[in-house]
Amino acid sequence: MKASRRAVAVGLVLTLAGCRRGQDEAQPAPPPTAEQESAATPSPEVAPDSAAPAKQPMPPDMRGALASIAPLVESVKSAVVNVEVREAAPARRSRSGSPWNGDGRSSPFGGGMPGMPFGSPFEDPRDEGPRQGLGSGFVIDARGLVLTNNHVVADATEIRVQFPDGREMDAKVLGTDPLTDVAVLQLQGDVKGLPVVKLGDSDALRVGDWVVAIGNPFGLASSVSVGILSAKARDIQVGPFDDFLQTDAAINPGNSGGPLFNLHGEVVGINTAIIGQGSGIGFAVPSSLVKELLPQLEKKGAVTRGWLGVAVQDLTPDLGGALGVAKGEEGAIVTEVNEGTPAADAGLKPDDIIVAAGGRPIASGRALTRTVALKAPGSELPLTVYRDGKKTELKAKLGTRPDLEGVASRKPPEEHAEPPHQRVGLSLSDMDPRLSRAQELPRAGALVTDVVPGSSAERSGLMPGMVVVEAGGQPVRRATDLARVLKESTPGEPVLLRVAVPGGRRELRALTAPES
């Protein structure tokens, strides 16, 4: 999802339909002819044909179903934020503890299929220097809790949240779950009067329902798109608990972590992934799943999941017939039971078919995995099982799911004592005399070779190719001279720089080091 810095067609169609509806209402229907009245009135001499097909219900009139979503947008957009992250680690590295790779090399669909998560922020091919990226998020609690994607903030050393009204606040990671790509941030500072949005019930959504996406694609803040829910419970092979909502609302890199709303203004999903070569195919983490994770993310910063200790596969019609299960039954076949696990203690055996867990139907092996994982370790889980064609009830006391993906063993990024020029977003080198002659620049000084977008250096007007010859009233003859002045400067206070630009002109810049 890097954001380096279709709803129009739907609106047009609906507007045209609305215009036509007005024309239809303005012109009364002509009175029926005698032939039409005769045809409409059944003859008492003719008995109704009992074999005639049943009268089909008329389809609903949808011409005025969605005249405008402007009131909805106005009510929620103030709580949708831009999440700016900064990372000092090398760019060519996988997201720490996450299956979502920001550089596009690892598709979230696996097997090299074209795909990427929205808003993976770090796609810069350079191997050195700090990097920045943009994502989206939304405030769900007046205490300053913001929901976004894990892949947006993973490995970030600094996080800055920007509101549509211009307010900016620092944020820290409160909790993450890489296996579902969910993260909770805590805003720092004065959080009074924050706009908030409510998490809705994604389970109540129907395919075809309207949904609205708001976010910051390509850094275009508060962009709105509308579409429908295309499908539910999509498994896109990025994690063990895939249960994504699919939508055709226009979403792009930079939308990662942003909300997907229903028409009640409730968040029903967190926009998370796209198909790289597709159009109108996006995926969101369902809000019902997020609700289950939130308590643990807030209190513990991570998610501990329940565990049975079995290997399973999907029940197919052929396997069902061979195992003596009623035709049309769905479930998960136990293929292996590990010794000393909750499954073994509960009496589960190979070839058992689990058709319900905790009172909820189980349609597949992955559905069983998700259901168990949402339960807390130590809780009891009733299981409905077919064994040798007979239904039986078992009860398992769940254990703690092992860290199969190695997420817990991956440590968060450490705080680095960065060089002062990198801290403000500058890459420097000593002046090259050959460049001096070609560009009419001084023979000595600190040559600006790169400026990080959105950094203090960029805001001060520094650009690659400039040469800093004086800083804080002191001469600068090499890069280390400028680094020393910046190191000795007071954070938050501007340092006056005298720079030479190509062509020989001298200009002033004021560079402010960020407060630590």
Protein backbone atom coordinates (compact mmCIF):
# COMPACT_ATOMS: atom_id res chain seq x y z
CA MET A 1 0.00 0.00 0.00
CA LYS A 2 2.27 2.68 -0.74
CA ALA A 3 0.95 6.13 -1.23
CA SER A 4 4.00 8.16 -2.29
CA ARG A 5 2.89 10.74 -1.78
CA ARG A 6 -16.49 4.25 -9.02
CA ALA A 7 -18.93 5.59 -7.60
CA VAL A 8 -19.29 8.30 -10.35
CA ALA A 9 -20.85 5.87 -12.76
CA VAL A 10 -23.21 4.61 -10.07
CA GLY A 11 -24.16 8.15 -9.17
CA LEU A 12 -24.75 9.02 -12.83
CA VAL A 13 -26.93 6.01 -13.39
CA LEU A 14 -28.93 6.72 -10.27
CA THR A 15 -29.29 10.39 -11.12
CA LEU A 16 -30.57 9.57 -14.56
CA ALA A 17 -32.95 7.04 -13.08
CA GLY A 18 -34.17 9.67 -10.63
CA CYS A 19 -34.77 12.14 -13.47
CA ARG A 20 -36.77 9.59 -15.35
CA ARG A 21 -38.79 8.81 -12.29
CA GLY A 22 -39.74 12.48 -12.04
CA GLN A 23 -40.90 12.46 -15.64
CA ASP A 24 -42.98 9.36 -15.07
CA GLU A 25 -44.67 10.91 -12.05
CA ALA A 26 -45.35 14.16 -13.87
CA GLN A 27 -47.23 12.40 -16.66
CA PRO A 28 -50.32 10.47 -15.49
CA ALA A 29 -50.92 7.12 -17.12
CA PRO A 30 -53.55 7.13 -19.91
CA PRO A 31 -56.90 5.49 -19.06
CA PRO A 32 -57.16 1.81 -20.02
CA THR A 33 -58.86 0.89 -23.26
CA ALA A 34 -61.90 -1.32 -23.35
CA GLU A 35 -59.78 -4.23 -24.54
CA GLN A 36 -57.42 -3.74 -21.62
CA GLU A 37 -60.31 -3.60 -19.13
CA SER A 38 -61.76 -6.74 -20.62
CA ALA A 39 -58.44 -8.51 -20.39
CA ALA A 40 -57.93 -7.33 -16.83
CA THR A 41 -61.40 -8.54 -15.65
CA PRO A 42 -61.69 -12.34 -15.34
CA SER A 43 -64.75 -13.79 -17.05
CA PRO A 44 -67.12 -15.46 -14.56
CA GLU A 45 -67.92 -18.05 -17.17
CA VAL A 46 -64.32 -19.33 -17.29
CA ALA A 47 -62.89 -21.16 -14.31
CA PRO A 48 -59.36 -20.22 -13.38
CA ASP A 49 -56.69 -22.54 -14.67
CA SER A 50 -55.38 -24.30 -11.60
CA ALA A 51 -52.34 -25.39 -13.57
CA ALA A 52 -51.28 -21.82 -14.34
CA PRO A 53 -47.92 -20.79 -12.86
CA ALA A 54 -47.93 -18.89 -9.61
CA LYS A 55 -47.82 -15.14 -9.92
CA GLN A 56 -44.22 -13.92 -9.57
CA PRO A 57 -43.56 -11.05 -7.18
CA MET A 58 -42.63 -7.78 -8.79
CA PRO A 59 -38.98 -6.77 -8.30
CA PRO A 60 -38.50 -3.79 -6.00
CA ASP A 61 -38.25 -0.33 -7.52
CA MET A 62 -34.60 0.64 -6.90
CA ARG A 63 -34.57 3.88 -8.91
CA GLY A 64 -34.44 6.04 -5.81
CA ALA A 65 -32.51 3.63 -3.59
CA LEU A 66 -29.36 5.73 -3.33
CA ALA A 67 -29.96 9.26 -4.53
CA SER A 68 -27.02 10.62 -2.51
CA ILE A 69 -24.67 9.48 0.23
CA ALA A 70 -23.60 13.03 1.07
CA PRO A 71 -25.40 13.11 4.46
CA LEU A 72 -23.74 9.84 5.42
CA VAL A 73 -20.32 11.06 4.40
CA GLU A 74 -20.72 14.32 6.30
CA SER A 75 -21.64 12.43 9.46
CA VAL A 76 -18.61 10.12 9.53
CA LYS A 77 -15.72 11.57 7.53
CA SER A 78 -14.34 13.68 10.38
CA ALA A 79 -13.36 10.47 12.24
CA VAL A 80 -11.41 9.03 9.29
CA VAL A 81 -7.74 9.89 9.62
CA ASN A 82 -4.53 9.80 7.67
CA VAL A 83 -1.87 7.61 9.29
CA GLU A 84 1.66 8.69 8.45
CA VAL A 85 4.40 6.29 9.49
CA ARG A 86 8.14 6.53 9.48
CA GLU A 87 10.55 3.63 9.51
CA ALA A 88 14.32 3.75 9.61
CA ALA A 89 14.95 0.09 8.77
CA PRO A 90 16.16 -1.01 5.31
CA ALA A 91 13.42 -0.96 2.70
CA ARG A 92 13.97 -4.44 1.36
CA ARG A 93 12.66 -6.30 4.37
CA SER A 94 9.43 -8.14 5.03
CA ARG A 95 6.98 -6.66 7.45
CA SER A 96 7.96 -7.78 10.90
CA GLY A 97 5.55 -10.38 12.17
CA SER A 98 3.19 -9.98 9.24
CA PRO A 99 2.35 -11.93 6.08
CA TRP A 100 1.73 -8.61 4.31
CA ASN A 101 4.81 -7.43 2.43
CA GLY A 102 4.89 -3.76 1.60
CA ASP A 103 7.24 -4.00 -1.34
CA GLY A 104 4.83 -6.00 -3.49
CA ARG A 105 7.19 -8.95 -3.81
CA SER A 106 4.95 -11.26 -1.79
CA SER A 107 1.37 -11.33 -2.98
CA PRO A 108 -1.28 -11.74 -0.30
CA PHE A 109 -2.75 -14.40 -2.55
CA GLY A 110 0.41 -16.49 -2.50
CA GLY A 111 2.01 -18.31 -5.39
CA GLY A 112 3.05 -15.10 -7.08
CA MET A 113 -0.47 -14.14 -8.09
CA PRO A 114 -0.88 -10.41 -8.66
CA GLY A 115 -1.99 -8.79 -5.47
CA MET A 116 -1.02 -6.44 -2.69
CA PRO A 117 -2.34 -5.06 0.56
CA PHE A 118 -3.72 -1.53 0.43
CA GLY A 119 -1.35 1.00 1.67
CA SER A 120 1.74 -1.07 2.36
CA PRO A 121 3.72 2.06 3.01
CA PHE A 122 7.30 1.17 2.26
CA GLU A 123 8.03 0.46 -1.40
CA ASP A 124 11.12 2.63 -1.75
CA PRO A 125 13.81 0.49 -3.46
CA ARG A 126 16.65 2.36 -1.75
CA ASP A 127 18.47 0.43 0.93
CA GLU A 128 19.39 3.33 3.20
CA GLY A 129 17.78 6.23 4.96
CA PRO A 130 14.48 6.70 6.75
CA ARG A 131 11.29 6.03 4.85
CA GLN A 132 7.78 7.30 5.20
CA GLY A 133 4.43 6.01 4.06
CA LEU A 134 0.75 6.77 4.30
CA GLY A 135 -2.26 4.72 5.34
CA SER A 136 -5.72 5.32 6.74
CA GLY A 137 -7.49 4.72 10.02
CA PHE A 138 -10.56 5.76 12.02
CA VAL A 139 -11.33 6.76 15.60
CA ILE A 140 -13.56 4.30 17.45
CA ASP A 141 -13.32 5.65 20.99
CA ALA A 142 -13.26 9.15 22.47
CA ARG A 143 -10.25 8.08 24.54
CA GLY A 144 -8.24 8.30 21.32
CA LEU A 145 -8.33 4.73 20.03
CA VAL A 146 -7.71 4.40 16.30
CA LEU A 147 -8.15 1.25 14.23
CA THR A 148 -5.95 0.56 11.21
CA ASN A 149 -4.05 -2.32 9.58
CA ASN A 150 -1.07 -4.01 11.16
CA HIS A 151 0.85 -3.81 7.89
CA VAL A 152 0.46 -0.03 7.93
CA VAL A 153 2.24 0.45 11.26
CA ALA A 154 4.44 -2.65 11.53
CA ASP A 155 8.09 -1.64 12.03
CA ALA A 156 7.18 2.04 12.34
CA THR A 157 9.36 4.09 14.67
CA GLU A 158 7.14 7.18 14.45
CA ILE A 159 3.39 7.47 13.79
CA ARG A 160 1.58 10.73 13.06
CA VAL A 161 -2.23 10.91 12.72
CA GLN A 162 -3.82 13.73 10.74
CA PHE A 163 -7.52 14.69 10.95
CA PRO A 164 -9.54 16.24 8.10
CA ASP A 165 -9.87 19.46 10.12
CA GLY A 166 -6.09 19.88 10.15
CA ARG A 167 -5.32 18.59 13.62
CA GLU A 168 -2.26 16.38 13.96
CA MET A 169 -1.39 14.05 16.82
CA ASP A 170 1.33 11.55 17.56
CA ALA A 171 0.25 7.97 18.15
CA LYS A 172 1.71 4.79 19.52
CA VAL A 173 0.82 1.18 18.82
CA LEU A 174 -1.44 -0.17 21.56
CA GLY A 175 -1.92 -3.65 20.11
CA THR A 176 -1.48 -5.61 16.89
CA ASP A 177 -2.63 -8.91 15.44
CA PRO A 178 -0.57 -9.74 12.34
CA LEU A 179 -2.63 -12.85 11.59
CA THR A 180 -5.75 -10.78 10.88
CA ASP A 181 -3.87 -7.57 9.96
CA VAL A 182 -5.53 -5.45 12.65
CA ALA A 183 -3.85 -2.79 14.78
CA VAL A 184 -5.05 -0.43 17.50
CA LEU A 185 -3.34 2.92 18.04
CA GLN A 186 -3.49 5.23 21.03
CA LEU A 187 -3.40 8.94 20.24
CA GLN A 188 -1.08 11.02 22.39
CA GLY A 189 -1.85 14.40 23.89
CA ASP A 190 -5.19 16.16 24.26
CA VAL A 191 -7.85 13.84 22.91
CA LYS A 192 -10.89 15.88 24.01
CA GLY A 193 -13.71 16.31 21.54
CA LEU A 194 -12.58 13.66 19.09
CA PRO A 195 -15.07 12.54 16.43
CA VAL A 196 -15.78 8.81 16.59
CA VAL A 197 -17.50 6.17 14.48
CA LYS A 198 -19.22 2.99 15.60
CA LEU A 199 -18.39 -0.60 14.70
CA GLY A 200 -21.41 -2.26 13.08
CA ASP A 201 -22.48 -5.86 12.52
CA SER A 202 -20.79 -7.24 9.42
CA ASP A 203 -22.65 -10.54 9.88
CA ALA A 204 -25.90 -8.70 9.08
CA LEU A 205 -24.61 -7.58 5.68
CA ARG A 206 -26.10 -9.16 2.56
CA VAL A 207 -24.37 -9.53 -0.76
CA GLY A 208 -25.60 -6.59 -2.81
CA ASP A 209 -25.85 -4.17 0.11
CA TRP A 210 -24.37 -0.72 -0.49
CA VAL A 211 -21.07 0.08 1.20
CA VAL A 212 -18.98 3.25 1.34
CA ALA A 213 -15.19 3.44 1.60
CA ILE A 214 -13.39 6.51 2.93
CA GLY A 215 -9.62 6.86 3.11
CA ASN A 216 -6.49 8.44 1.73
CA PRO A 217 -5.59 6.71 -1.56
CA PHE A 218 -2.27 7.98 -2.89
CA GLY A 219 -2.35 10.64 -0.16
CA LEU A 220 -5.63 12.15 -1.44
CA ALA A 221 -7.19 12.75 1.95
CA SER A 222 -10.85 11.95 2.72
CA SER A 223 -11.56 10.34 -0.66
CA VAL A 224 -14.99 8.69 -0.84
CA SER A 225 -16.14 5.82 -3.04
CA VAL A 226 -19.31 3.73 -3.10
CA GLY A 227 -20.09 0.19 -4.23
CA ILE A 228 -21.74 -2.98 -3.05
CA LEU A 229 -20.76 -5.94 -0.96
CA SER A 230 -19.63 -8.41 -3.62
CA ALA A 231 -19.13 -11.48 -1.42
CA LYS A 232 -18.61 -12.60 2.16
CA ALA A 233 -16.27 -15.05 3.89
CA ARG A 234 -13.56 -14.85 1.23
CA ASP A 235 -10.44 -16.94 1.87
CA ILE A 236 -7.61 -15.22 -0.01
CA GLN A 237 -4.85 -17.39 1.45
CA VAL A 238 -2.96 -14.77 3.44
CA GLY A 239 -3.54 -16.20 6.89
CA PRO A 240 -5.13 -19.00 8.89
CA PHE A 241 -8.20 -16.92 9.79
CA ASP A 242 -9.18 -15.40 6.43
CA ASP A 243 -12.85 -14.37 6.42
CA PHE A 244 -12.79 -11.26 4.25
CA LEU A 245 -15.58 -9.10 2.90
CA GLN A 246 -15.24 -8.43 -0.83
CA THR A 247 -16.37 -5.13 -2.30
CA ASP A 248 -16.28 -3.27 -5.61
CA ALA A 249 -16.06 0.14 -3.95
CA ALA A 250 -13.03 1.89 -5.44
CA ILE A 251 -10.09 1.42 -3.10
CA ASN A 252 -6.41 1.92 -3.83
CA PRO A 253 -3.01 2.02 -2.16
CA GLY A 254 -3.35 4.38 0.77
CA ASN A 255 -6.83 3.10 1.71
CA SER A 256 -5.27 0.45 3.93
CA GLY A 257 -6.67 0.65 7.43
CA GLY A 258 -9.58 2.87 6.36
CA PRO A 259 -13.23 2.10 7.15
CA LEU A 260 -15.88 0.44 5.03
CA PHE A 261 -19.29 1.79 6.07
CA ASN A 262 -22.84 0.50 5.72
CA LEU A 263 -25.64 2.97 5.00
CA HIS A 264 -26.26 3.44 8.73
CA GLY A 265 -22.85 5.04 9.07
CA GLU A 266 -21.43 2.05 10.92
CA VAL A 267 -18.04 0.54 10.14
CA VAL A 268 -18.49 -2.97 8.81
CA GLY A 269 -14.91 -3.59 7.69
CA ILE A 270 -11.29 -2.41 7.61
CA ASN A 271 -10.06 -2.09 4.01
CA THR A 272 -7.03 -4.32 3.76
CA ALA A 273 -6.13 -5.95 0.43
CA ILE A 274 -6.57 -5.71 -3.32
CA ILE A 275 -5.87 -7.80 -6.40
CA GLY A 276 -3.08 -6.06 -8.24
CA GLN A 277 -4.34 -6.70 -11.76
CA GLY A 278 -8.03 -6.61 -10.88
CA SER A 279 -10.53 -3.77 -10.96
CA GLY A 280 -13.26 -3.45 -8.36
CA ILE A 281 -11.96 -6.35 -6.27
CA GLY A 282 -11.04 -5.32 -2.77
CA PHE A 283 -11.15 -6.98 0.62
CA ALA A 284 -11.87 -5.83 4.15
CA VAL A 285 -11.52 -7.41 7.58
CA PRO A 286 -15.11 -7.84 8.87
CA SER A 287 -16.07 -5.72 11.86
CA SER A 288 -17.51 -8.73 13.71
CA LEU A 289 -14.04 -10.24 13.80
CA VAL A 290 -12.50 -6.97 14.91
CA LYS A 291 -14.97 -6.73 17.82
CA GLU A 292 -13.80 -10.12 19.06
CA LEU A 293 -10.16 -9.03 18.99
CA LEU A 294 -10.49 -5.55 20.50
CA PRO A 295 -10.63 -6.43 24.22
CA GLN A 296 -7.38 -8.37 24.05
CA LEU A 297 -5.64 -5.82 21.84
CA GLU A 298 -6.51 -3.01 24.25
CA LYS A 299 -5.55 -4.82 27.43
CA LYS A 300 -2.70 -7.08 26.39
CA GLY A 301 -1.47 -5.64 23.09
CA ALA A 302 -1.75 -9.03 21.39
CA VAL A 303 -4.23 -11.84 20.84
CA THR A 304 -4.12 -15.20 22.62
CA ARG A 305 -6.22 -17.81 20.84
CA GLY A 306 -7.90 -21.06 21.77
CA TRP A 307 -6.55 -24.38 20.49
CA LEU A 308 -7.89 -27.90 19.99
CA GLY A 309 -4.88 -29.77 18.66
CA VAL A 310 -6.31 -31.48 15.58
CA ALA A 311 -5.65 -31.57 11.87
CA VAL A 312 -8.80 -31.27 9.76
CA GLN A 313 -10.00 -31.19 6.18
CA ASP A 314 -13.26 -30.18 4.51
CA LEU A 315 -16.14 -32.64 4.32
CA THR A 316 -17.05 -33.32 0.67
CA PRO A 317 -20.18 -35.12 -0.59
CA ASP A 318 -18.12 -38.18 -1.56
CA LEU A 319 -16.35 -38.32 1.79
CA GLY A 320 -19.66 -37.79 3.56
CA GLY A 321 -21.17 -40.76 1.77
CA ALA A 322 -18.20 -42.93 2.62
CA LEU A 323 -18.34 -41.91 6.29
CA GLY A 324 -22.08 -42.42 6.64
CA VAL A 325 -23.13 -38.78 6.94
CA ALA A 326 -26.44 -37.49 5.61
CA LYS A 327 -26.32 -36.03 2.13
CA GLY A 328 -25.78 -32.28 2.12
CA GLU A 329 -24.14 -32.17 5.54
CA GLU A 330 -21.19 -29.79 5.93
CA GLY A 331 -18.37 -30.01 8.39
CA ALA A 332 -14.70 -30.61 9.16
CA ILE A 333 -13.19 -34.09 9.16
CA VAL A 334 -10.64 -34.79 11.87
CA THR A 335 -7.64 -36.37 10.17
CA GLU A 336 -5.25 -36.35 13.14
CA VAL A 337 -5.47 -35.90 16.90
CA ASN A 338 -2.28 -34.95 18.71
CA GLU A 339 -1.53 -36.63 22.01
CA GLY A 340 -1.94 -34.63 25.18
CA THR A 341 -4.06 -31.95 23.50
CA PRO A 342 -7.54 -30.65 24.38
CA ALA A 343 -8.89 -32.63 21.42
CA ALA A 344 -7.47 -35.89 22.79
CA ASP A 345 -8.77 -35.09 26.29
CA ALA A 346 -12.23 -34.42 24.83
CA GLY A 347 -12.30 -37.84 23.15
CA LEU A 348 -12.01 -36.73 19.53
CA LYS A 349 -10.78 -39.40 17.12
CA PRO A 350 -9.60 -39.49 13.52
CA ASP A 351 -12.50 -39.61 11.00
CA ASP A 352 -14.80 -37.77 13.40
CA ILE A 353 -16.80 -35.11 11.56
CA ILE A 354 -17.33 -31.87 13.48
CA VAL A 355 -20.51 -30.22 12.22
CA ALA A 356 -21.01 -27.63 14.98
CA ALA A 357 -18.86 -25.88 17.59
CA GLY A 358 -20.25 -23.74 20.38
CA GLY A 359 -23.70 -24.03 18.84
CA ARG A 360 -22.56 -22.62 15.52
CA PRO A 361 -22.60 -24.71 12.32
CA ILE A 362 -19.17 -25.61 10.95
CA ALA A 363 -19.03 -25.58 7.14
CA SER A 364 -15.31 -26.27 6.61
CA GLY A 365 -11.99 -26.91 8.23
CA ARG A 366 -11.07 -23.23 8.13
CA ALA A 367 -14.39 -22.33 9.73
CA LEU A 368 -13.53 -24.63 12.64
CA THR A 369 -10.07 -23.06 12.92
CA ARG A 370 -11.56 -19.55 13.07
CA THR A 371 -14.25 -20.54 15.59
CA VAL A 372 -11.76 -22.15 17.95
CA ALA A 373 -9.30 -19.28 17.61
CA LEU A 374 -11.90 -16.72 18.67
CA LYS A 375 -12.43 -18.53 21.97
CA ALA A 376 -10.28 -17.77 24.97
CA PRO A 377 -7.85 -20.42 26.20
CA GLY A 378 -9.38 -22.38 29.07
CA SER A 379 -12.96 -21.95 27.85
CA GLU A 380 -15.21 -24.94 27.19
CA LEU A 381 -16.35 -25.54 23.64
CA PRO A 382 -19.30 -27.94 22.96
CA LEU A 383 -18.79 -29.96 19.78
CA THR A 384 -21.39 -31.75 17.67
CA VAL A 385 -19.72 -34.72 16.01
CA TYR A 386 -20.65 -37.51 13.63
CA ARG A 387 -18.82 -40.78 14.38
CA ASP A 388 -19.58 -43.93 12.38
CA GLY A 389 -22.69 -42.23 11.04
CA LYS A 390 -24.07 -41.42 14.51
CA LYS A 391 -24.31 -37.98 16.04
CA THR A 392 -22.72 -37.41 19.43
CA GLU A 393 -21.93 -34.44 21.66
CA LEU A 394 -18.48 -33.77 23.11
CA LYS A 395 -17.01 -30.94 25.16
CA ALA A 396 -13.44 -29.67 24.87
CA LYS A 397 -11.56 -27.40 27.24
CA LEU A 398 -9.42 -25.30 24.93
CA GLY A 399 -5.72 -24.81 25.33
CA THR A 400 -3.55 -21.94 24.10
CA ARG A 401 -2.74 -21.91 20.41
CA PRO A 402 1.01 -22.30 19.76
CA ASP A 403 2.81 -19.53 17.92
CA LEU A 404 2.86 -21.53 14.68
CA GLU A 405 3.71 -18.49 12.55
CA GLY A 406 6.50 -17.30 14.84
CA VAL A 407 4.83 -13.93 15.37
CA ALA A 408 5.63 -13.65 19.07
CA SER A 409 9.31 -14.39 18.50
CA ARG A 410 9.70 -11.44 16.16
CA LYS A 411 10.68 -8.47 18.25
CA PRO A 412 9.39 -4.98 17.51
CA PRO A 413 11.87 -2.53 16.04
CA GLU A 414 14.28 -1.05 18.52
CA GLU A 415 14.73 2.66 18.95
CA HIS A 416 17.71 3.78 16.93
CA ALA A 417 19.97 6.70 17.69
CA GLU A 418 19.80 8.03 14.15
CA PRO A 419 22.26 10.53 12.78
CA PRO A 420 20.76 14.01 13.23
CA HIS A 421 20.57 14.73 9.50
CA GLN A 422 18.59 11.52 8.94
CA ARG A 423 16.28 12.43 11.81
CA VAL A 424 15.15 15.52 9.90
CA GLY A 425 14.88 13.59 6.61
CA LEU A 426 18.15 14.46 4.90
CA SER A 427 20.74 12.39 3.08
CA LEU A 428 24.08 14.20 2.73
CA SER A 429 27.49 13.81 1.19
CA ASP A 430 30.61 15.90 0.87
CA MET A 431 30.68 18.22 -2.10
CA ASP A 432 32.26 16.76 -5.26
CA PRO A 433 34.52 19.30 -7.05
CA ARG A 434 33.47 17.93 -10.44
CA LEU A 435 29.84 18.70 -9.66
CA SER A 436 30.90 22.12 -8.45
CA ARG A 437 32.25 23.09 -11.86
CA ALA A 438 29.32 21.62 -13.79
CA GLN A 439 26.55 23.18 -11.64
CA GLU A 440 28.25 26.43 -10.58
CA LEU A 441 28.21 25.35 -6.95
CA PRO A 442 30.76 25.95 -4.17
CA ARG A 443 33.68 23.54 -3.95
CA ALA A 444 33.02 22.78 -0.29
CA GLY A 445 29.85 22.16 1.72
CA ALA A 446 27.25 19.50 2.55
CA LEU A 447 25.54 18.30 -0.62
CA VAL A 448 21.88 17.35 -0.19
CA THR A 449 21.49 14.04 -2.02
CA ASP A 450 17.98 13.11 -0.89
CA VAL A 451 15.03 14.58 1.03
CA VAL A 452 12.38 12.34 2.59
CA PRO A 453 8.83 13.34 1.53
CA GLY A 454 6.90 14.87 4.40
CA SER A 455 10.00 15.37 6.54
CA SER A 456 11.21 18.51 8.31
CA ALA A 457 13.79 18.93 5.55
CA GLU A 458 11.15 18.93 2.83
CA ARG A 459 8.95 21.37 4.77
CA SER A 460 11.91 23.74 5.03
CA GLY A 461 12.32 23.80 1.25
CA LEU A 462 15.52 21.79 0.98
CA MET A 463 15.91 19.83 -2.25
CA PRO A 464 18.47 17.41 -3.69
CA GLY A 465 21.26 19.28 -5.41
CA MET A 466 21.44 22.12 -2.91
CA VAL A 467 24.67 22.66 -0.99
CA VAL A 468 24.57 23.81 2.64
CA VAL A 469 27.50 26.18 3.22
CA GLU A 470 26.50 27.65 6.59
CA ALA A 471 24.40 26.39 9.51
CA GLY A 472 23.57 28.28 12.68
CA GLY A 473 26.13 30.94 11.80
CA GLN A 474 28.92 28.38 11.45
CA PRO A 475 30.66 27.48 8.16
CA VAL A 476 29.88 24.08 6.68
CA ARG A 477 32.65 22.57 4.58
CA ARG A 478 31.57 18.92 4.70
CA ALA A 479 28.57 16.79 5.67
CA THR A 480 29.88 16.12 9.19
CA ASP A 481 29.90 19.86 9.93
CA LEU A 482 26.17 20.12 9.27
CA ALA A 483 25.49 16.93 11.22
CA ARG A 484 27.33 18.38 14.21
CA VAL A 485 25.34 21.62 14.18
CA LEU A 486 22.05 19.74 13.93
CA LYS A 487 23.07 17.44 16.78
CA GLU A 488 23.84 20.42 19.02
CA SER A 489 20.63 22.27 18.11
CA THR A 490 17.61 22.42 20.43
CA PRO A 491 14.79 20.12 19.25
CA GLY A 492 11.85 22.16 18.07
CA GLU A 493 13.97 25.26 17.40
CA PRO A 494 14.79 26.29 13.81
CA VAL A 495 18.38 26.29 12.55
CA LEU A 496 19.16 28.92 9.93
CA LEU A 497 20.88 27.45 6.88
CA ARG A 498 22.58 29.24 4.03
CA VAL A 499 22.42 27.13 0.88
CA ALA A 500 23.75 27.35 -2.65
CA VAL A 501 21.50 26.27 -5.48
CA PRO A 502 22.58 25.20 -8.99
CA GLY A 503 23.49 28.31 -10.92
CA GLY A 504 25.36 29.93 -8.04
CA ARG A 505 22.49 31.67 -6.21
CA ARG A 506 22.48 31.70 -2.38
CA GLU A 507 19.28 31.31 -0.35
CA LEU A 508 18.22 30.89 3.28
CA ARG A 509 16.32 27.97 4.79
CA ALA A 510 15.10 27.34 8.36
CA LEU A 511 15.34 23.68 9.36
CA THR A 512 13.66 22.48 12.56
CA ALA A 513 14.75 19.25 14.22
CA PRO A 514 11.78 17.25 15.55
CA GLU A 515 11.30 17.04 19.29
CA SER A 516 12.25 13.67 20.72
